[in-house]
Amino acid sequence: MQRYRSTYQPRSIRRLEKKSRRNILLSVIVIFSLIYFMATWGLPALIGGLSFFNKFKPSTKVNSVSEETVIAPPVLNIPFDATNSATIKISGYSTPKYKVEIYIDNELKNETTAGENGSFQSDAIPLSLGTNNIYGLTVNEDGKKSLPSKTIKLLYSSEKPKLELSEPADGQQIQGGDKKVSVSGKTDATSSLAINGNTVIINGDGNFSKTVDINEGDNVITVVATNLVGNTSQVERRVTYLPQ
């Protein structure tokens, strides 16, 4: 005979299960109610509270510099770094119609005004022997000045190069043979040298030697040394060629 297992549960157990299901349903309702409350009232209140307290924080202002307050320094045009001239006229570019101040060794030397296209040129400015540190400032209509331009170092020197001739002797007579004479001597190694207008190579010690063609009769040999700043030294020798 087949037997079946009974599914009967006591009343106390059924009561406990029913209570548990009711508690779970109630918990779900409470959780959804809290979520709805926070989304509807809680977050806006929190954000509003933060905004209220932010009113009492010190505000930080960013000082922006307008383009009108930025003054560009001038651009000076000095195409050489050494000179033998005691004065110099400085040209360049700046903001059109703005004043330009030229300084040498931090001392104001000249004032000029840029033209419609921004170009300017100073009057003749005296230089000091040695290195001159030159820069400029732009000055607007309100008297406000720019930062200094790039400083240009300019060497002014009146010193002439050394020049010594060892041959030929002045008044030397040459008789017979080729119509040539040897010219030799010494100058500064950094100088350039020309004999009768023709460039001659100088070695590292400043020595030079060159054979020069001469004509029958009296001849003048002219030797010119020129240093880096353009100062020159000149020596002349007279030689006479006599045919046999």
C-alpha atoms as a PDB file:
ATOM      1  CA  MET A   1       0.000   0.000   0.000  1.00  0.00           C
ATOM      2  CA  GLN A   2       1.531   3.418  -1.070  1.00  0.00           C
ATOM      3  CA  ARG A   3       2.122   6.045   1.599  1.00  0.00           C
ATOM      4  CA  TYR A   4       2.134   9.871   1.280  1.00  0.00           C
ATOM      5  CA  ARG A   5       4.139  12.345   3.474  1.00  0.00           C
ATOM      6  CA  SER A   6       1.942  14.808   5.269  1.00  0.00           C
ATOM      7  CA  THR A   7       2.486  18.628   4.462  1.00  0.00           C
ATOM      8  CA  TYR A   8       0.722  19.805   7.586  1.00  0.00           C
ATOM      9  CA  GLN A   9       2.516  22.588   9.497  1.00  0.00           C
ATOM     10  CA  PRO A  10       1.743  23.681  13.011  1.00  0.00           C
ATOM     11  CA  ARG A  11      -0.201  26.883  13.495  1.00  0.00           C
ATOM     12  CA  SER A  12       2.710  28.599  15.303  1.00  0.00           C
ATOM     13  CA  ILE A  13       5.028  28.107  12.346  1.00  0.00           C
ATOM     14  CA  ARG A  14       2.448  29.437   9.896  1.00  0.00           C
ATOM     15  CA  ARG A  15       1.951  32.475  12.110  1.00  0.00           C
ATOM     16  CA  LEU A  16       5.732  33.131  12.216  1.00  0.00           C
ATOM     17  CA  GLU A  17       6.081  32.914   8.424  1.00  0.00           C
ATOM     18  CA  LYS A  18       3.205  35.303   7.927  1.00  0.00           C
ATOM     19  CA  LYS A  19       4.754  37.797  10.332  1.00  0.00           C
ATOM     20  CA  SER A  20       8.132  37.560   8.569  1.00  0.00           C
ATOM     21  CA  ARG A  21       6.566  38.290   5.165  1.00  0.00           C
ATOM     22  CA  ARG A  22       4.749  41.278   6.661  1.00  0.00           C
ATOM     23  CA  ASN A  23       8.017  42.622   8.156  1.00  0.00           C
ATOM     24  CA  ILE A  24       9.863  42.237   4.851  1.00  0.00           C
ATOM     25  CA  LEU A  25       7.092  44.084   2.979  1.00  0.00           C
ATOM     26  CA  LEU A  26       7.110  46.850   5.576  1.00  0.00           C
ATOM     27  CA  SER A  27      10.909  47.188   5.331  1.00  0.00           C
ATOM     28  CA  VAL A  28      10.738  47.536   1.557  1.00  0.00           C
ATOM     29  CA  ILE A  29       8.071  50.235   1.877  1.00  0.00           C
ATOM     30  CA  VAL A  30      10.168  52.148   4.426  1.00  0.00           C
ATOM     31  CA  ILE A  31      13.320  51.976   2.242  1.00  0.00           C
ATOM     32  CA  PHE A  32      11.519  53.274  -0.849  1.00  0.00           C
ATOM     33  CA  SER A  33       9.922  56.019   1.249  1.00  0.00           C
ATOM     34  CA  LEU A  34      13.358  57.132   2.501  1.00  0.00           C
ATOM     35  CA  ILE A  35      14.784  57.160  -1.018  1.00  0.00           C
ATOM     36  CA  TYR A  36      11.847  59.254  -2.259  1.00  0.00           C
ATOM     37  CA  PHE A  37      12.202  61.665   0.672  1.00  0.00           C
ATOM     38  CA  MET A  38      15.978  62.154   0.096  1.00  0.00           C
ATOM     39  CA  ALA A  39      15.527  62.706  -3.624  1.00  0.00           C
ATOM     40  CA  THR A  40      12.652  65.143  -3.149  1.00  0.00           C
ATOM     41  CA  TRP A  41      13.624  67.073  -0.021  1.00  0.00           C
ATOM     42  CA  GLY A  42      16.957  65.975   1.404  1.00  0.00           C
ATOM     43  CA  LEU A  43      19.388  66.705  -1.451  1.00  0.00           C
ATOM     44  CA  PRO A  44      17.910  70.159  -2.328  1.00  0.00           C
ATOM     45  CA  ALA A  45      18.069  71.103   1.353  1.00  0.00           C
ATOM     46  CA  LEU A  46      21.707  69.968   1.567  1.00  0.00           C
ATOM     47  CA  ILE A  47      22.700  71.879  -1.528  1.00  0.00           C
ATOM     48  CA  GLY A  48      20.907  74.993  -0.306  1.00  0.00           C
ATOM     49  CA  GLY A  49      22.695  74.758   3.030  1.00  0.00           C
ATOM     50  CA  LEU A  50      26.076  74.591   1.325  1.00  0.00           C
ATOM     51  CA  SER A  51      25.202  77.614  -0.800  1.00  0.00           C
ATOM     52  CA  PHE A  52      24.223  79.505   2.333  1.00  0.00           C
ATOM     53  CA  PHE A  53      27.543  78.806   4.061  1.00  0.00           C
ATOM     54  CA  ASN A  54      29.507  79.642   0.937  1.00  0.00           C
ATOM     55  CA  LYS A  55      28.222  83.200   1.204  1.00  0.00           C
ATOM     56  CA  PHE A  56      30.400  83.675   4.275  1.00  0.00           C
ATOM     57  CA  LYS A  57      33.613  82.425   2.656  1.00  0.00           C
ATOM     58  CA  PRO A  58      36.040  85.146   1.501  1.00  0.00           C
ATOM     59  CA  SER A  59      35.925  85.435  -2.252  1.00  0.00           C
ATOM     60  CA  THR A  60      39.149  85.251  -4.241  1.00  0.00           C
ATOM     61  CA  LYS A  61      39.357  87.756  -7.053  1.00  0.00           C
ATOM     62  CA  VAL A  62      41.605  87.070 -10.012  1.00  0.00           C
ATOM     63  CA  ASN A  63      43.340  90.197 -11.145  1.00  0.00           C
ATOM     64  CA  SER A  64      43.509  89.940 -14.891  1.00  0.00           C
ATOM     65  CA  VAL A  65      45.843  92.221 -16.785  1.00  0.00           C
ATOM     66  CA  SER A  66      44.126  93.794 -19.711  1.00  0.00           C
ATOM     67  CA  GLU A  67      45.900  94.025 -23.002  1.00  0.00           C
ATOM     68  CA  GLU A  68      45.901  97.800 -22.716  1.00  0.00           C
ATOM     69  CA  THR A  69      48.202  97.690 -19.668  1.00  0.00           C
ATOM     70  CA  VAL A  70      50.823  95.529 -21.406  1.00  0.00           C
ATOM     71  CA  ILE A  71      53.454  97.731 -23.066  1.00  0.00           C
ATOM     72  CA  ALA A  72      55.862  96.024 -25.435  1.00  0.00           C
ATOM     73  CA  PRO A  73      59.530  97.036 -25.084  1.00  0.00           C
ATOM     74  CA  PRO A  74      61.233  98.502 -28.154  1.00  0.00           C
ATOM     75  CA  VAL A  75      63.419  96.489 -30.505  1.00  0.00           C
ATOM     76  CA  LEU A  76      66.835  98.123 -30.960  1.00  0.00           C
ATOM     77  CA  ASN A  77      68.758  97.667 -34.196  1.00  0.00           C
ATOM     78  CA  ILE A  78      72.537  97.743 -33.695  1.00  0.00           C
ATOM     79  CA  PRO A  79      74.032  95.471 -36.392  1.00  0.00           C
ATOM     80  CA  PHE A  80      77.581  95.400 -34.973  1.00  0.00           C
ATOM     81  CA  ASP A  81      79.143  94.613 -31.595  1.00  0.00           C
ATOM     82  CA  ALA A  82      82.198  96.893 -31.846  1.00  0.00           C
ATOM     83  CA  THR A  83      82.876 100.369 -33.230  1.00  0.00           C
ATOM     84  CA  ASN A  84      85.585 102.999 -33.449  1.00  0.00           C
ATOM     85  CA  SER A  85      83.062 105.841 -33.517  1.00  0.00           C
ATOM     86  CA  ALA A  86      82.597 107.953 -30.398  1.00  0.00           C
ATOM     87  CA  THR A  87      78.866 108.366 -31.075  1.00  0.00           C
ATOM     88  CA  ILE A  88      76.036 106.200 -32.364  1.00  0.00           C
ATOM     89  CA  LYS A  89      72.533 106.732 -33.727  1.00  0.00           C
ATOM     90  CA  ILE A  90      70.245 103.923 -32.624  1.00  0.00           C
ATOM     91  CA  SER A  91      67.274 102.891 -34.754  1.00  0.00           C
ATOM     92  CA  GLY A  92      64.573 100.294 -34.190  1.00  0.00           C
ATOM     93  CA  TYR A  93      60.851  99.641 -33.826  1.00  0.00           C
ATOM     94  CA  SER A  94      58.295 100.298 -31.101  1.00  0.00           C
ATOM     95  CA  THR A  95      54.568 100.948 -30.670  1.00  0.00           C
ATOM     96  CA  PRO A  96      53.553 103.696 -33.135  1.00  0.00           C
ATOM     97  CA  LYS A  97      53.571 107.212 -31.643  1.00  0.00           C
ATOM     98  CA  TYR A  98      54.914 105.980 -28.282  1.00  0.00           C
ATOM     99  CA  LYS A  99      57.996 107.540 -26.739  1.00  0.00           C
ATOM    100  CA  VAL A 100      61.236 105.521 -26.661  1.00  0.00           C
ATOM    101  CA  GLU A 101      63.922 106.041 -24.023  1.00  0.00           C
ATOM    102  CA  ILE A 102      67.491 104.888 -24.758  1.00  0.00           C
ATOM    103  CA  TYR A 103      69.711 103.941 -21.813  1.00  0.00           C
ATOM    104  CA  ILE A 104      73.443 103.231 -21.678  1.00  0.00           C
ATOM    105  CA  ASP A 105      74.761 101.631 -18.500  1.00  0.00           C
ATOM    106  CA  ASN A 106      71.427 102.409 -16.772  1.00  0.00           C
ATOM    107  CA  GLU A 107      71.660 106.121 -17.593  1.00  0.00           C
ATOM    108  CA  LEU A 108      69.048 107.793 -19.804  1.00  0.00           C
ATOM    109  CA  LYS A 109      70.867 109.109 -22.881  1.00  0.00           C
ATOM    110  CA  ASN A 110      68.172 109.972 -25.421  1.00  0.00           C
ATOM    111  CA  GLU A 111      64.411 110.213 -25.981  1.00  0.00           C
ATOM    112  CA  THR A 112      62.651 109.905 -29.310  1.00  0.00           C
ATOM    113  CA  THR A 113      59.165 109.051 -30.615  1.00  0.00           C
ATOM    114  CA  ALA A 114      58.167 106.194 -32.898  1.00  0.00           C
ATOM    115  CA  GLY A 115      56.501 107.166 -36.160  1.00  0.00           C
ATOM    116  CA  GLU A 116      53.255 105.982 -37.706  1.00  0.00           C
ATOM    117  CA  ASN A 117      54.868 102.681 -38.744  1.00  0.00           C
ATOM    118  CA  GLY A 118      56.610 102.206 -35.383  1.00  0.00           C
ATOM    119  CA  SER A 119      60.135 102.979 -36.604  1.00  0.00           C
ATOM    120  CA  PHE A 120      62.384 105.399 -34.723  1.00  0.00           C
ATOM    121  CA  GLN A 121      65.935 106.746 -34.708  1.00  0.00           C
ATOM    122  CA  SER A 122      67.739 108.512 -31.895  1.00  0.00           C
ATOM    123  CA  ASP A 123      70.040 111.489 -32.091  1.00  0.00           C
ATOM    124  CA  ALA A 124      73.784 110.864 -31.935  1.00  0.00           C
ATOM    125  CA  ILE A 125      74.545 109.368 -28.508  1.00  0.00           C
ATOM    126  CA  PRO A 126      78.083 109.562 -27.056  1.00  0.00           C
ATOM    127  CA  LEU A 127      79.750 106.269 -26.144  1.00  0.00           C
ATOM    128  CA  SER A 128      82.220 105.490 -23.390  1.00  0.00           C
ATOM    129  CA  LEU A 129      85.502 103.734 -24.077  1.00  0.00           C
ATOM    130  CA  GLY A 130      85.072 100.033 -23.434  1.00  0.00           C
ATOM    131  CA  THR A 131      81.800  98.101 -23.281  1.00  0.00           C
ATOM    132  CA  ASN A 132      78.526 100.041 -23.448  1.00  0.00           C
ATOM    133  CA  ASN A 133      75.370  98.244 -22.226  1.00  0.00           C
ATOM    134  CA  ILE A 134      72.482  99.619 -24.280  1.00  0.00           C
ATOM    135  CA  TYR A 135      68.722  99.012 -23.830  1.00  0.00           C
ATOM    136  CA  GLY A 136      65.448 100.866 -24.338  1.00  0.00           C
ATOM    137  CA  LEU A 137      62.035 101.433 -22.740  1.00  0.00           C
ATOM    138  CA  THR A 138      58.681 102.189 -24.353  1.00  0.00           C
ATOM    139  CA  VAL A 139      56.586 104.903 -22.678  1.00  0.00           C
ATOM    140  CA  ASN A 140      52.858 105.206 -23.424  1.00  0.00           C
ATOM    141  CA  GLU A 141      50.687 108.334 -23.386  1.00  0.00           C
ATOM    142  CA  ASP A 142      50.001 107.948 -19.660  1.00  0.00           C
ATOM    143  CA  GLY A 143      53.685 107.800 -18.818  1.00  0.00           C
ATOM    144  CA  LYS A 144      53.671 104.071 -18.077  1.00  0.00           C
ATOM    145  CA  LYS A 145      56.867 102.284 -19.092  1.00  0.00           C
ATOM    146  CA  SER A 146      57.534  98.861 -20.501  1.00  0.00           C
ATOM    147  CA  LEU A 147      60.059  96.353 -19.278  1.00  0.00           C
ATOM    148  CA  PRO A 148      63.601  96.928 -20.619  1.00  0.00           C
ATOM    149  CA  SER A 149      64.415  95.632 -24.070  1.00  0.00           C
ATOM    150  CA  LYS A 150      67.174  93.107 -24.625  1.00  0.00           C
ATOM    151  CA  THR A 151      70.515  94.621 -23.577  1.00  0.00           C
ATOM    152  CA  ILE A 152      73.026  95.017 -26.417  1.00  0.00           C
ATOM    153  CA  LYS A 153      76.730  95.142 -25.534  1.00  0.00           C
ATOM    154  CA  LEU A 154      78.686  97.488 -27.796  1.00  0.00           C
ATOM    155  CA  LEU A 155      82.459  97.860 -27.575  1.00  0.00           C
ATOM    156  CA  TYR A 156      83.907 101.277 -28.361  1.00  0.00           C
ATOM    157  CA  SER A 157      87.663 101.439 -28.841  1.00  0.00           C
ATOM    158  CA  SER A 158      90.010 104.064 -30.274  1.00  0.00           C
ATOM    159  CA  GLU A 159      93.062 101.825 -29.946  1.00  0.00           C
ATOM    160  CA  LYS A 160      94.939 101.181 -33.193  1.00  0.00           C
ATOM    161  CA  PRO A 161      96.421  97.803 -34.079  1.00  0.00           C
ATOM    162  CA  LYS A 162     100.133  97.127 -33.734  1.00  0.00           C
ATOM    163  CA  LEU A 163     102.037  97.132 -37.049  1.00  0.00           C
ATOM    164  CA  GLU A 164     105.770  96.516 -37.499  1.00  0.00           C
ATOM    165  CA  LEU A 165     107.665  96.033 -40.780  1.00  0.00           C
ATOM    166  CA  SER A 166     110.929  94.142 -40.763  1.00  0.00           C
ATOM    167  CA  GLU A 167     111.463  94.486 -44.535  1.00  0.00           C
ATOM    168  CA  PRO A 168     111.932  96.221 -46.888  1.00  0.00           C
ATOM    169  CA  ALA A 169     113.940  99.067 -45.445  1.00  0.00           C
ATOM    170  CA  ASP A 170     112.722 102.540 -46.306  1.00  0.00           C
ATOM    171  CA  GLY A 171     114.665 103.864 -49.326  1.00  0.00           C
ATOM    172  CA  GLN A 172     116.030 100.423 -50.211  1.00  0.00           C
ATOM    173  CA  GLN A 173     117.469 100.044 -53.742  1.00  0.00           C
ATOM    174  CA  ILE A 174     117.052  96.826 -55.677  1.00  0.00           C
ATOM    175  CA  GLN A 175     119.277  96.276 -58.718  1.00  0.00           C
ATOM    176  CA  GLY A 176     118.824  93.586 -61.340  1.00  0.00           C
ATOM    177  CA  GLY A 177     116.953  90.311 -61.013  1.00  0.00           C
ATOM    178  CA  ASP A 178     113.181  89.986 -60.829  1.00  0.00           C
ATOM    179  CA  LYS A 179     111.162  93.110 -60.192  1.00  0.00           C
ATOM    180  CA  LYS A 180     110.016  91.883 -56.793  1.00  0.00           C
ATOM    181  CA  VAL A 181     110.494  92.789 -53.160  1.00  0.00           C
ATOM    182  CA  SER A 182     109.738  90.852 -49.969  1.00  0.00           C
ATOM    183  CA  VAL A 183     107.444  92.563 -47.456  1.00  0.00           C
ATOM    184  CA  SER A 184     107.263  91.029 -43.966  1.00  0.00           C
ATOM    185  CA  GLY A 185     106.431  92.088 -40.435  1.00  0.00           C
ATOM    186  CA  LYS A 186     104.028  91.565 -37.528  1.00  0.00           C
ATOM    187  CA  THR A 187     100.620  92.826 -36.385  1.00  0.00           C
ATOM    188  CA  ASP A 188      97.848  91.735 -34.012  1.00  0.00           C
ATOM    189  CA  ALA A 189      96.677  88.202 -34.738  1.00  0.00           C
ATOM    190  CA  THR A 190      93.032  89.340 -34.781  1.00  0.00           C
ATOM    191  CA  SER A 191      93.656  92.127 -37.282  1.00  0.00           C
ATOM    192  CA  SER A 192      93.332  91.985 -41.056  1.00  0.00           C
ATOM    193  CA  LEU A 193      96.182  93.105 -43.323  1.00  0.00           C
ATOM    194  CA  ALA A 194      96.515  94.506 -46.842  1.00  0.00           C
ATOM    195  CA  ILE A 195      99.623  95.338 -48.868  1.00  0.00           C
ATOM    196  CA  ASN A 196      98.982  97.807 -51.673  1.00  0.00           C
ATOM    197  CA  GLY A 197      95.280  96.971 -51.353  1.00  0.00           C
ATOM    198  CA  ASN A 198      95.722  93.186 -51.582  1.00  0.00           C
ATOM    199  CA  THR A 199      94.729  91.022 -48.604  1.00  0.00           C
ATOM    200  CA  VAL A 200      97.555  89.112 -46.947  1.00  0.00           C
ATOM    201  CA  ILE A 201      97.200  86.090 -44.648  1.00  0.00           C
ATOM    202  CA  ILE A 202      98.376  86.492 -41.029  1.00  0.00           C
ATOM    203  CA  ASN A 203      99.443  83.467 -38.990  1.00  0.00           C
ATOM    204  CA  GLY A 204      98.398  82.738 -35.421  1.00  0.00           C
ATOM    205  CA  ASP A 205     101.243  84.846 -34.015  1.00  0.00           C
ATOM    206  CA  GLY A 206     100.411  87.862 -36.186  1.00  0.00           C
ATOM    207  CA  ASN A 207     103.404  87.381 -38.522  1.00  0.00           C
ATOM    208  CA  PHE A 208     103.072  87.924 -42.270  1.00  0.00           C
ATOM    209  CA  SER A 209     105.283  87.770 -45.358  1.00  0.00           C
ATOM    210  CA  LYS A 210     104.507  88.521 -48.996  1.00  0.00           C
ATOM    211  CA  THR A 211     106.513  88.981 -52.209  1.00  0.00           C
ATOM    212  CA  VAL A 212     105.303  92.060 -54.056  1.00  0.00           C
ATOM    213  CA  ASP A 213     105.855  93.028 -57.695  1.00  0.00           C
ATOM    214  CA  ILE A 214     107.458  96.427 -58.255  1.00  0.00           C
ATOM    215  CA  ASN A 215     108.115  98.650 -61.244  1.00  0.00           C
ATOM    216  CA  GLU A 216     111.317 100.192 -62.542  1.00  0.00           C
ATOM    217  CA  GLY A 217     112.164 103.329 -60.640  1.00  0.00           C
ATOM    218  CA  ASP A 218     110.579 104.475 -57.383  1.00  0.00           C
ATOM    219  CA  ASN A 219     107.849 102.370 -55.715  1.00  0.00           C
ATOM    220  CA  VAL A 220     105.737 102.964 -52.616  1.00  0.00           C
ATOM    221  CA  ILE A 221     104.772  99.905 -50.541  1.00  0.00           C
ATOM    222  CA  THR A 222     101.714 100.636 -48.368  1.00  0.00           C
ATOM    223  CA  VAL A 223     100.808  98.223 -45.557  1.00  0.00           C
ATOM    224  CA  VAL A 224      97.520  98.692 -43.653  1.00  0.00           C
ATOM    225  CA  ALA A 225      96.392  96.705 -40.591  1.00  0.00           C
ATOM    226  CA  THR A 226      92.751  96.933 -39.451  1.00  0.00           C
ATOM    227  CA  ASN A 227      91.501  95.660 -36.075  1.00  0.00           C
ATOM    228  CA  LEU A 228      88.067  94.334 -35.129  1.00  0.00           C
ATOM    229  CA  VAL A 229      86.570  97.741 -34.364  1.00  0.00           C
ATOM    230  CA  GLY A 230      87.791  99.270 -37.629  1.00  0.00           C
ATOM    231  CA  ASN A 231      90.796 101.222 -36.371  1.00  0.00           C
ATOM    232  CA  THR A 232      93.780 101.154 -38.737  1.00  0.00           C
ATOM    233  CA  SER A 233      97.551 101.483 -38.636  1.00  0.00           C
ATOM    234  CA  GLN A 234      99.491 102.250 -41.813  1.00  0.00           C
ATOM    235  CA  VAL A 235     103.173 102.014 -42.701  1.00  0.00           C
ATOM    236  CA  GLU A 236     104.815 103.028 -46.000  1.00  0.00           C
ATOM    237  CA  ARG A 237     108.153 101.974 -47.450  1.00  0.00           C
ATOM    238  CA  ARG A 238     109.799 103.470 -50.538  1.00  0.00           C
ATOM    239  CA  VAL A 239     111.963 101.190 -52.675  1.00  0.00           C
ATOM    240  CA  THR A 240     113.716 101.855 -55.980  1.00  0.00           C
ATOM    241  CA  TYR A 241     114.334  99.306 -58.668  1.00  0.00           C
ATOM    242  CA  LEU A 242     117.425  99.854 -60.856  1.00  0.00           C
ATOM    243  CA  PRO A 243     117.960  97.712 -63.905  1.00  0.00           C
ATOM    244  CA  GLN A 244     121.483  96.336 -64.493  1.00  0.00           C
END
